[in-house]
Amino acid sequence: PDLVEYLKGFLDNVTIDGKSFDHF
């Protein structure tokens, strides 16, 4: 769970133009 919390920030911005992982 600690890794999940840490990586949530990365999932919010995974593309060069700032799109979330869900959008991607």
mmCIF file of all heavy atoms, coordinates in Angstrom:
data_MODEL
# 
_entry.id   MODEL 
# 
loop_
_atom_site.group_PDB 
_atom_site.id 
_atom_site.type_symbol 
_atom_site.label_atom_id 
_atom_site.label_alt_id 
_atom_site.label_comp_id 
_atom_site.label_asym_id 
_atom_site.label_entity_id 
_atom_site.label_seq_id 
_atom_site.pdbx_PDB_ins_code 
_atom_site.Cartn_x 
_atom_site.Cartn_y 
_atom_site.Cartn_z 
_atom_site.occupancy 
_atom_site.B_iso_or_equiv 
_atom_site.pdbx_formal_charge 
_atom_site.auth_seq_id 
_atom_site.auth_comp_id 
_atom_site.auth_asym_id 
_atom_site.auth_atom_id 
_atom_site.pdbx_PDB_model_num 
ATOM 1   N N   . PRO A 1 1  ? 0.807  -1.228 0.000   1.00 0.00 ? 1  PRO A N   1 
ATOM 2   C CA  . PRO A 1 1  ? 0.000  0.000  0.000   1.00 0.00 ? 1  PRO A CA  1 
ATOM 3   C C   . PRO A 1 1  ? 0.841  1.280  0.000   1.00 0.00 ? 1  PRO A C   1 
ATOM 4   O O   . PRO A 1 1  ? 0.426  2.291  -0.546  1.00 0.00 ? 1  PRO A O   1 
ATOM 5   C CB  . PRO A 1 1  ? -0.833 -0.098 1.268   1.00 0.00 ? 1  PRO A CB  1 
ATOM 6   C CG  . PRO A 1 1  ? -0.357 -1.279 2.014   1.00 0.00 ? 1  PRO A CG  1 
ATOM 7   C CD  . PRO A 1 1  ? 0.574  -2.052 1.151   1.00 0.00 ? 1  PRO A CD  1 
ATOM 8   N N   . ASP A 1 2  ? 2.033  1.241  0.608   1.00 0.00 ? 2  ASP A N   1 
ATOM 9   C CA  . ASP A 1 2  ? 2.887  2.433  0.611   1.00 0.00 ? 2  ASP A CA  1 
ATOM 10  C C   . ASP A 1 2  ? 3.338  2.770  -0.810  1.00 0.00 ? 2  ASP A C   1 
ATOM 11  O O   . ASP A 1 2  ? 3.386  3.936  -1.203  1.00 0.00 ? 2  ASP A O   1 
ATOM 12  C CB  . ASP A 1 2  ? 4.120  2.214  1.491   1.00 0.00 ? 2  ASP A CB  1 
ATOM 13  C CG  . ASP A 1 2  ? 3.755  2.072  2.959   1.00 0.00 ? 2  ASP A CG  1 
ATOM 14  O OD1 . ASP A 1 2  ? 2.712  2.633  3.353   1.00 0.00 ? 2  ASP A OD1 1 
ATOM 15  O OD2 . ASP A 1 2  ? 4.502  1.401  3.697   1.00 0.00 ? 2  ASP A OD2 1 
ATOM 16  N N   . LEU A 1 3  ? 3.656  1.762  -1.591  1.00 0.00 ? 3  LEU A N   1 
ATOM 17  C CA  . LEU A 1 3  ? 4.076  1.965  -2.972  1.00 0.00 ? 3  LEU A CA  1 
ATOM 18  C C   . LEU A 1 3  ? 2.913  2.517  -3.802  1.00 0.00 ? 3  LEU A C   1 
ATOM 19  O O   . LEU A 1 3  ? 3.098  3.403  -4.629  1.00 0.00 ? 3  LEU A O   1 
ATOM 20  C CB  . LEU A 1 3  ? 4.594  0.655  -3.574  1.00 0.00 ? 3  LEU A CB  1 
ATOM 21  C CG  . LEU A 1 3  ? 5.161  0.729  -4.986  1.00 0.00 ? 3  LEU A CG  1 
ATOM 22  C CD1 . LEU A 1 3  ? 6.325  1.704  -5.059  1.00 0.00 ? 3  LEU A CD1 1 
ATOM 23  C CD2 . LEU A 1 3  ? 5.601  -0.655 -5.448  1.00 0.00 ? 3  LEU A CD2 1 
ATOM 24  N N   . VAL A 1 4  ? 1.712  2.022  -3.546  1.00 0.00 ? 4  VAL A N   1 
ATOM 25  C CA  . VAL A 1 4  ? 0.526  2.518  -4.255  1.00 0.00 ? 4  VAL A CA  1 
ATOM 26  C C   . VAL A 1 4  ? 0.358  4.007  -3.995  1.00 0.00 ? 4  VAL A C   1 
ATOM 27  O O   . VAL A 1 4  ? 0.157  4.795  -4.923  1.00 0.00 ? 4  VAL A O   1 
ATOM 28  C CB  . VAL A 1 4  ? -0.747 1.749  -3.825  1.00 0.00 ? 4  VAL A CB  1 
ATOM 29  C CG1 . VAL A 1 4  ? -1.987 2.400  -4.401  1.00 0.00 ? 4  VAL A CG1 1 
ATOM 30  C CG2 . VAL A 1 4  ? -0.663 0.295  -4.244  1.00 0.00 ? 4  VAL A CG2 1 
ATOM 31  N N   . GLU A 1 5  ? 0.439  4.415  -2.745  1.00 0.00 ? 5  GLU A N   1 
ATOM 32  C CA  . GLU A 1 5  ? 0.290  5.832  -2.398  1.00 0.00 ? 5  GLU A CA  1 
ATOM 33  C C   . GLU A 1 5  ? 1.382  6.676  -3.040  1.00 0.00 ? 5  GLU A C   1 
ATOM 34  O O   . GLU A 1 5  ? 1.140  7.759  -3.544  1.00 0.00 ? 5  GLU A O   1 
ATOM 35  C CB  . GLU A 1 5  ? 0.303  6.034  -0.874  1.00 0.00 ? 5  GLU A CB  1 
ATOM 36  C CG  . GLU A 1 5  ? -0.978 5.630  -0.198  1.00 0.00 ? 5  GLU A CG  1 
ATOM 37  C CD  . GLU A 1 5  ? -2.190 6.356  -0.763  1.00 0.00 ? 5  GLU A CD  1 
ATOM 38  O OE1 . GLU A 1 5  ? -2.156 7.594  -0.936  1.00 0.00 ? 5  GLU A OE1 1 
ATOM 39  O OE2 . GLU A 1 5  ? -3.182 5.672  -1.060  1.00 0.00 ? 5  GLU A OE2 1 
ATOM 40  N N   . TYR A 1 6  ? 2.606  6.158  -3.040  1.00 0.00 ? 6  TYR A N   1 
ATOM 41  C CA  . TYR A 1 6  ? 3.733  6.889  -3.614  1.00 0.00 ? 6  TYR A CA  1 
ATOM 42  C C   . TYR A 1 6  ? 3.548  7.086  -5.118  1.00 0.00 ? 6  TYR A C   1 
ATOM 43  O O   . TYR A 1 6  ? 3.829  8.148  -5.662  1.00 0.00 ? 6  TYR A O   1 
ATOM 44  C CB  . TYR A 1 6  ? 5.045  6.148  -3.325  1.00 0.00 ? 6  TYR A CB  1 
ATOM 45  C CG  . TYR A 1 6  ? 6.266  6.867  -3.818  1.00 0.00 ? 6  TYR A CG  1 
ATOM 46  C CD1 . TYR A 1 6  ? 6.801  7.938  -3.102  1.00 0.00 ? 6  TYR A CD1 1 
ATOM 47  C CD2 . TYR A 1 6  ? 6.878  6.490  -5.010  1.00 0.00 ? 6  TYR A CD2 1 
ATOM 48  C CE1 . TYR A 1 6  ? 7.918  8.614  -3.562  1.00 0.00 ? 6  TYR A CE1 1 
ATOM 49  C CE2 . TYR A 1 6  ? 8.001  7.162  -5.470  1.00 0.00 ? 6  TYR A CE2 1 
ATOM 50  C CZ  . TYR A 1 6  ? 8.512  8.220  -4.752  1.00 0.00 ? 6  TYR A CZ  1 
ATOM 51  O OH  . TYR A 1 6  ? 9.610  8.899  -5.206  1.00 0.00 ? 6  TYR A OH  1 
ATOM 52  N N   . LEU A 1 7  ? 3.044  6.057  -5.796  1.00 0.00 ? 7  LEU A N   1 
ATOM 53  C CA  . LEU A 1 7  ? 2.920  6.104  -7.251  1.00 0.00 ? 7  LEU A CA  1 
ATOM 54  C C   . LEU A 1 7  ? 1.655  6.800  -7.749  1.00 0.00 ? 7  LEU A C   1 
ATOM 55  O O   . LEU A 1 7  ? 1.547  7.093  -8.930  1.00 0.00 ? 7  LEU A O   1 
ATOM 56  C CB  . LEU A 1 7  ? 2.983  4.688  -7.829  1.00 0.00 ? 7  LEU A CB  1 
ATOM 57  C CG  . LEU A 1 7  ? 4.348  4.015  -7.718  1.00 0.00 ? 7  LEU A CG  1 
ATOM 58  C CD1 . LEU A 1 7  ? 4.281  2.589  -8.218  1.00 0.00 ? 7  LEU A CD1 1 
ATOM 59  C CD2 . LEU A 1 7  ? 5.407  4.793  -8.478  1.00 0.00 ? 7  LEU A CD2 1 
ATOM 60  N N   . LYS A 1 8  ? 0.700  7.099  -6.881  1.00 0.00 ? 8  LYS A N   1 
ATOM 61  C CA  . LYS A 1 8  ? -0.525 7.768  -7.317  1.00 0.00 ? 8  LYS A CA  1 
ATOM 62  C C   . LYS A 1 8  ? -0.217 9.103  -7.988  1.00 0.00 ? 8  LYS A C   1 
ATOM 63  O O   . LYS A 1 8  ? -0.874 9.482  -8.949  1.00 0.00 ? 8  LYS A O   1 
ATOM 64  C CB  . LYS A 1 8  ? -1.490 7.966  -6.147  1.00 0.00 ? 8  LYS A CB  1 
ATOM 65  C CG  . LYS A 1 8  ? -2.333 6.749  -5.879  1.00 0.00 ? 8  LYS A CG  1 
ATOM 66  C CD  . LYS A 1 8  ? -3.391 7.033  -4.834  1.00 0.00 ? 8  LYS A CD  1 
ATOM 67  C CE  . LYS A 1 8  ? -4.227 5.789  -4.627  1.00 0.00 ? 8  LYS A CE  1 
ATOM 68  N NZ  . LYS A 1 8  ? -5.208 5.966  -3.570  1.00 0.00 ? 8  LYS A NZ  1 
ATOM 69  N N   . GLY A 1 9  ? 0.762  9.804  -7.511  1.00 0.00 ? 9  GLY A N   1 
ATOM 70  C CA  . GLY A 1 9  ? 1.151  11.072 -8.144  1.00 0.00 ? 9  GLY A CA  1 
ATOM 71  C C   . GLY A 1 9  ? 1.624  10.876 -9.572  1.00 0.00 ? 9  GLY A C   1 
ATOM 72  O O   . GLY A 1 9  ? 1.359  11.706 -10.439 1.00 0.00 ? 9  GLY A O   1 
ATOM 73  N N   . PHE A 1 10 ? 2.319  9.792  -9.832  1.00 0.00 ? 10 PHE A N   1 
ATOM 74  C CA  . PHE A 1 10 ? 2.784  9.505  -11.189 1.00 0.00 ? 10 PHE A CA  1 
ATOM 75  C C   . PHE A 1 10 ? 1.618  9.166  -12.108 1.00 0.00 ? 10 PHE A C   1 
ATOM 76  O O   . PHE A 1 10 ? 1.633  9.479  -13.292 1.00 0.00 ? 10 PHE A O   1 
ATOM 77  C CB  . PHE A 1 10 ? 3.791  8.353  -11.190 1.00 0.00 ? 10 PHE A CB  1 
ATOM 78  C CG  . PHE A 1 10 ? 5.082  8.691  -10.504 1.00 0.00 ? 10 PHE A CG  1 
ATOM 79  C CD1 . PHE A 1 10 ? 5.369  8.169  -9.262  1.00 0.00 ? 10 PHE A CD1 1 
ATOM 80  C CD2 . PHE A 1 10 ? 6.003  9.541  -11.099 1.00 0.00 ? 10 PHE A CD2 1 
ATOM 81  C CE1 . PHE A 1 10 ? 6.550  8.482  -8.620  1.00 0.00 ? 10 PHE A CE1 1 
ATOM 82  C CE2 . PHE A 1 10 ? 7.192  9.862  -10.470 1.00 0.00 ? 10 PHE A CE2 1 
ATOM 83  C CZ  . PHE A 1 10 ? 7.466  9.332  -9.217  1.00 0.00 ? 10 PHE A CZ  1 
ATOM 84  N N   . LEU A 1 11 ? 0.591  8.500  -11.582 1.00 0.00 ? 11 LEU A N   1 
ATOM 85  C CA  . LEU A 1 11 ? -0.562 8.114  -12.390 1.00 0.00 ? 11 LEU A CA  1 
ATOM 86  C C   . LEU A 1 11 ? -1.394 9.313  -12.807 1.00 0.00 ? 11 LEU A C   1 
ATOM 87  O O   . LEU A 1 11 ? -2.169 9.233  -13.763 1.00 0.00 ? 11 LEU A O   1 
ATOM 88  C CB  . LEU A 1 11 ? -1.433 7.099  -11.638 1.00 0.00 ? 11 LEU A CB  1 
ATOM 89  C CG  . LEU A 1 11 ? -0.778 5.749  -11.365 1.00 0.00 ? 11 LEU A CG  1 
ATOM 90  C CD1 . LEU A 1 11 ? -1.695 4.889  -10.521 1.00 0.00 ? 11 LEU A CD1 1 
ATOM 91  C CD2 . LEU A 1 11 ? -0.411 5.051  -12.658 1.00 0.00 ? 11 LEU A CD2 1 
ATOM 92  N N   . ASP A 1 12 ? -1.233 10.437 -12.125 1.00 0.00 ? 12 ASP A N   1 
ATOM 93  C CA  . ASP A 1 12 ? -1.969 11.648 -12.476 1.00 0.00 ? 12 ASP A CA  1 
ATOM 94  C C   . ASP A 1 12 ? -1.330 12.401 -13.639 1.00 0.00 ? 12 ASP A C   1 
ATOM 95  O O   . ASP A 1 12 ? -1.950 13.289 -14.214 1.00 0.00 ? 12 ASP A O   1 
ATOM 96  C CB  . ASP A 1 12 ? -2.080 12.584 -11.268 1.00 0.00 ? 12 ASP A CB  1 
ATOM 97  C CG  . ASP A 1 12 ? -2.976 12.022 -10.188 1.00 0.00 ? 12 ASP A CG  1 
ATOM 98  O OD1 . ASP A 1 12 ? -3.846 11.191 -10.518 1.00 0.00 ? 12 ASP A OD1 1 
ATOM 99  O OD2 . ASP A 1 12 ? -2.808 12.406 -9.017  1.00 0.00 ? 12 ASP A OD2 1 
ATOM 100 N N   . ASN A 1 13 ? -0.102 12.052 -13.996 1.00 0.00 ? 13 ASN A N   1 
ATOM 101 C CA  . ASN A 1 13 ? 0.607  12.767 -15.063 1.00 0.00 ? 13 ASN A CA  1 
ATOM 102 C C   . ASN A 1 13 ? 1.601  11.811 -15.724 1.00 0.00 ? 13 ASN A C   1 
ATOM 103 O O   . ASN A 1 13 ? 2.757  11.757 -15.334 1.00 0.00 ? 13 ASN A O   1 
ATOM 104 C CB  . ASN A 1 13 ? 1.327  13.979 -14.481 1.00 0.00 ? 13 ASN A CB  1 
ATOM 105 C CG  . ASN A 1 13 ? 2.054  14.779 -15.523 1.00 0.00 ? 13 ASN A CG  1 
ATOM 106 O OD1 . ASN A 1 13 ? 1.952  14.534 -16.712 1.00 0.00 ? 13 ASN A OD1 1 
ATOM 107 N ND2 . ASN A 1 13 ? 2.823  15.754 -15.065 1.00 0.00 ? 13 ASN A ND2 1 
ATOM 108 N N   . VAL A 1 14 ? 1.141  11.073 -16.739 1.00 0.00 ? 14 VAL A N   1 
ATOM 109 C CA  . VAL A 1 14 ? 2.022  10.077 -17.368 1.00 0.00 ? 14 VAL A CA  1 
ATOM 110 C C   . VAL A 1 14 ? 2.451  10.451 -18.780 1.00 0.00 ? 14 VAL A C   1 
ATOM 111 O O   . VAL A 1 14 ? 3.278  9.768  -19.369 1.00 0.00 ? 14 VAL A O   1 
ATOM 112 C CB  . VAL A 1 14 ? 1.386  8.669  -17.394 1.00 0.00 ? 14 VAL A CB  1 
ATOM 113 C CG1 . VAL A 1 14 ? 1.169  8.140  -16.005 1.00 0.00 ? 14 VAL A CG1 1 
ATOM 114 C CG2 . VAL A 1 14 ? 0.120  8.650  -18.213 1.00 0.00 ? 14 VAL A CG2 1 
ATOM 115 N N   . THR A 1 15 ? 1.896  11.514 -19.338 1.00 0.00 ? 15 THR A N   1 
ATOM 116 C CA  . THR A 1 15 ? 2.277  11.909 -20.695 1.00 0.00 ? 15 THR A CA  1 
ATOM 117 C C   . THR A 1 15 ? 2.978  13.251 -20.667 1.00 0.00 ? 15 THR A C   1 
ATOM 118 O O   . THR A 1 15 ? 2.898  13.993 -19.695 1.00 0.00 ? 15 THR A O   1 
ATOM 119 C CB  . THR A 1 15 ? 1.038  12.010 -21.623 1.00 0.00 ? 15 THR A CB  1 
ATOM 120 O OG1 . THR A 1 15 ? 0.197  13.061 -21.147 1.00 0.00 ? 15 THR A OG1 1 
ATOM 121 C CG2 . THR A 1 15 ? 0.263  10.703 -21.656 1.00 0.00 ? 15 THR A CG2 1 
ATOM 122 N N   . ILE A 1 16 ? 3.626  13.562 -21.765 1.00 0.00 ? 16 ILE A N   1 
ATOM 123 C CA  . ILE A 1 16 ? 4.375  14.814 -21.839 1.00 0.00 ? 16 ILE A CA  1 
ATOM 124 C C   . ILE A 1 16 ? 3.453  16.028 -21.758 1.00 0.00 ? 16 ILE A C   1 
ATOM 125 O O   . ILE A 1 16 ? 3.860  17.102 -21.340 1.00 0.00 ? 16 ILE A O   1 
ATOM 126 C CB  . ILE A 1 16 ? 5.249  14.856 -23.112 1.00 0.00 ? 16 ILE A CB  1 
ATOM 127 C CG1 . ILE A 1 16 ? 6.324  15.914 -22.994 1.00 0.00 ? 16 ILE A CG1 1 
ATOM 128 C CG2 . ILE A 1 16 ? 4.396  15.038 -24.358 1.00 0.00 ? 16 ILE A CG2 1 
ATOM 129 C CD1 . ILE A 1 16 ? 7.425  15.800 -24.008 1.00 0.00 ? 16 ILE A CD1 1 
ATOM 130 N N   . ASP A 1 17 ? 2.172  15.834 -22.137 1.00 0.00 ? 17 ASP A N   1 
ATOM 131 C CA  . ASP A 1 17 ? 1.226  16.950 -22.066 1.00 0.00 ? 17 ASP A CA  1 
ATOM 132 C C   . ASP A 1 17 ? 0.351  16.895 -20.820 1.00 0.00 ? 17 ASP A C   1 
ATOM 133 O O   . ASP A 1 17 ? -0.670 17.567 -20.735 1.00 0.00 ? 17 ASP A O   1 
ATOM 134 C CB  . ASP A 1 17 ? 0.376  17.037 -23.332 1.00 0.00 ? 17 ASP A CB  1 
ATOM 135 C CG  . ASP A 1 17 ? -0.357 15.759 -23.650 1.00 0.00 ? 17 ASP A CG  1 
ATOM 136 O OD1 . ASP A 1 17 ? -0.077 14.730 -23.017 1.00 0.00 ? 17 ASP A OD1 1 
ATOM 137 O OD2 . ASP A 1 17 ? -1.225 15.780 -24.545 1.00 0.00 ? 17 ASP A OD2 1 
ATOM 138 N N   . GLY A 1 18 ? 0.737  16.092 -19.823 1.00 0.00 ? 18 GLY A N   1 
ATOM 139 C CA  . GLY A 1 18 ? 0.106  16.122 -18.511 1.00 0.00 ? 18 GLY A CA  1 
ATOM 140 C C   . GLY A 1 18 ? -1.171 15.315 -18.347 1.00 0.00 ? 18 GLY A C   1 
ATOM 141 O O   . GLY A 1 18 ? -1.930 15.563 -17.423 1.00 0.00 ? 18 GLY A O   1 
ATOM 142 N N   . LYS A 1 19 ? -1.412 14.344 -19.208 1.00 0.00 ? 19 LYS A N   1 
ATOM 143 C CA  . LYS A 1 19 ? -2.623 13.530 -19.083 1.00 0.00 ? 19 LYS A CA  1 
ATOM 144 C C   . LYS A 1 19 ? -2.428 12.425 -18.036 1.00 0.00 ? 19 LYS A C   1 
ATOM 145 O O   . LYS A 1 19 ? -1.326 11.921 -17.846 1.00 0.00 ? 19 LYS A O   1 
ATOM 146 C CB  . LYS A 1 19 ? -2.993 12.916 -20.420 1.00 0.00 ? 19 LYS A CB  1 
ATOM 147 C CG  . LYS A 1 19 ? -3.473 13.950 -21.424 1.00 0.00 ? 19 LYS A CG  1 
ATOM 148 C CD  . LYS A 1 19 ? -3.982 13.299 -22.675 1.00 0.00 ? 19 LYS A CD  1 
ATOM 149 C CE  . LYS A 1 19 ? -4.626 14.281 -23.607 1.00 0.00 ? 19 LYS A CE  1 
ATOM 150 N NZ  . LYS A 1 19 ? -3.772 15.280 -24.162 1.00 0.00 ? 19 LYS A NZ  1 
ATOM 151 N N   . SER A 1 20 ? -3.535 12.064 -17.402 1.00 0.00 ? 20 SER A N   1 
ATOM 152 C CA  . SER A 1 20 ? -3.477 11.008 -16.392 1.00 0.00 ? 20 SER A CA  1 
ATOM 153 C C   . SER A 1 20 ? -3.363 9.639  -17.063 1.00 0.00 ? 20 SER A C   1 
ATOM 154 O O   . SER A 1 20 ? -3.619 9.498  -18.264 1.00 0.00 ? 20 SER A O   1 
ATOM 155 C CB  . SER A 1 20 ? -4.743 11.042 -15.534 1.00 0.00 ? 20 SER A CB  1 
ATOM 156 O OG  . SER A 1 20 ? -5.859 10.617 -16.308 1.00 0.00 ? 20 SER A OG  1 
ATOM 157 N N   . PHE A 1 21 ? -3.023 8.636  -16.271 1.00 0.00 ? 21 PHE A N   1 
ATOM 158 C CA  . PHE A 1 21 ? -2.927 7.277  -16.799 1.00 0.00 ? 21 PHE A CA  1 
ATOM 159 C C   . PHE A 1 21 ? -4.288 6.804  -17.307 1.00 0.00 ? 21 PHE A C   1 
ATOM 160 O O   . PHE A 1 21 ? -4.373 6.148  -18.335 1.00 0.00 ? 21 PHE A O   1 
ATOM 161 C CB  . PHE A 1 21 ? -2.386 6.312  -15.735 1.00 0.00 ? 21 PHE A CB  1 
ATOM 162 C CG  . PHE A 1 21 ? -2.187 4.937  -16.268 1.00 0.00 ? 21 PHE A CG  1 
ATOM 163 C CD1 . PHE A 1 21 ? -1.112 4.642  -17.094 1.00 0.00 ? 21 PHE A CD1 1 
ATOM 164 C CD2 . PHE A 1 21 ? -3.087 3.923  -15.972 1.00 0.00 ? 21 PHE A CD2 1 
ATOM 165 C CE1 . PHE A 1 21 ? -0.928 3.365  -17.612 1.00 0.00 ? 21 PHE A CE1 1 
ATOM 166 C CE2 . PHE A 1 21 ? -2.912 2.647  -16.480 1.00 0.00 ? 21 PHE A CE2 1 
ATOM 167 C CZ  . PHE A 1 21 ? -1.830 2.374  -17.295 1.00 0.00 ? 21 PHE A CZ  1 
ATOM 168 N N   . ASP A 1 22 ? -5.367 7.163  -16.614 1.00 0.00 ? 22 ASP A N   1 
ATOM 169 C CA  . ASP A 1 22 ? -6.705 6.774  -17.056 1.00 0.00 ? 22 ASP A CA  1 
ATOM 170 C C   . ASP A 1 22 ? -7.037 7.377  -18.418 1.00 0.00 ? 22 ASP A C   1 
ATOM 171 O O   . ASP A 1 22 ? -7.580 6.703  -19.292 1.00 0.00 ? 22 ASP A O   1 
ATOM 172 C CB  . ASP A 1 22 ? -7.761 7.190  -16.030 1.00 0.00 ? 22 ASP A CB  1 
ATOM 173 C CG  . ASP A 1 22 ? -7.685 6.373  -14.755 1.00 0.00 ? 22 ASP A CG  1 
ATOM 174 O OD1 . ASP A 1 22 ? -7.182 5.225  -14.813 1.00 0.00 ? 22 ASP A OD1 1 
ATOM 175 O OD2 . ASP A 1 22 ? -8.123 6.866  -13.707 1.00 0.00 ? 22 ASP A OD2 1 
ATOM 176 N N   . HIS A 1 23 ? -6.705 8.647  -18.615 1.00 0.00 ? 23 HIS A N   1 
ATOM 177 C CA  . HIS A 1 23 ? -6.935 9.308  -19.901 1.00 0.00 ? 23 HIS A CA  1 
ATOM 178 C C   . HIS A 1 23 ? -6.090 8.644  -20.991 1.00 0.00 ? 23 HIS A C   1 
ATOM 179 O O   . HIS A 1 23 ? -6.565 8.386  -22.107 1.00 0.00 ? 23 HIS A O   1 
ATOM 180 C CB  . HIS A 1 23 ? -6.594 10.788 -19.788 1.00 0.00 ? 23 HIS A CB  1 
ATOM 181 C CG  . HIS A 1 23 ? -6.990 11.596 -20.976 1.00 0.00 ? 23 HIS A CG  1 
ATOM 182 N ND1 . HIS A 1 23 ? -7.858 12.640 -20.896 1.00 0.00 ? 23 HIS A ND1 1 
ATOM 183 C CD2 . HIS A 1 23 ? -6.646 11.516 -22.274 1.00 0.00 ? 23 HIS A CD2 1 
ATOM 184 C CE1 . HIS A 1 23 ? -8.031 13.164 -22.099 1.00 0.00 ? 23 HIS A CE1 1 
ATOM 185 N NE2 . HIS A 1 23 ? -7.295 12.497 -22.941 1.00 0.00 ? 23 HIS A NE2 1 
ATOM 186 N N   . PHE A 1 24 ? -4.825 8.381  -20.680 1.00 0.00 ? 24 PHE A N   1 
ATOM 187 C CA  . PHE A 1 24 ? -3.925 7.718  -21.613 1.00 0.00 ? 24 PHE A CA  1 
ATOM 188 C C   . PHE A 1 24 ? -4.465 6.338  -21.992 1.00 0.00 ? 24 PHE A C   1 
ATOM 189 O O   . PHE A 1 24 ? -4.495 5.971  -23.161 1.00 0.00 ? 24 PHE A O   1 
ATOM 190 C CB  . PHE A 1 24 ? -2.531 7.602  -20.975 1.00 0.00 ? 24 PHE A CB  1 
ATOM 191 C CG  . PHE A 1 24 ? -1.583 6.737  -21.744 1.00 0.00 ? 24 PHE A CG  1 
ATOM 192 C CD1 . PHE A 1 24 ? -1.014 7.178  -22.920 1.00 0.00 ? 24 PHE A CD1 1 
ATOM 193 C CD2 . PHE A 1 24 ? -1.259 5.469  -21.277 1.00 0.00 ? 24 PHE A CD2 1 
ATOM 194 C CE1 . PHE A 1 24 ? -0.136 6.374  -23.636 1.00 0.00 ? 24 PHE A CE1 1 
ATOM 195 C CE2 . PHE A 1 24 ? -0.389 4.659  -21.983 1.00 0.00 ? 24 PHE A CE2 1 
ATOM 196 C CZ  . PHE A 1 24 ? 0.178  5.123  -23.160 1.00 0.00 ? 24 PHE A CZ  1 
# 
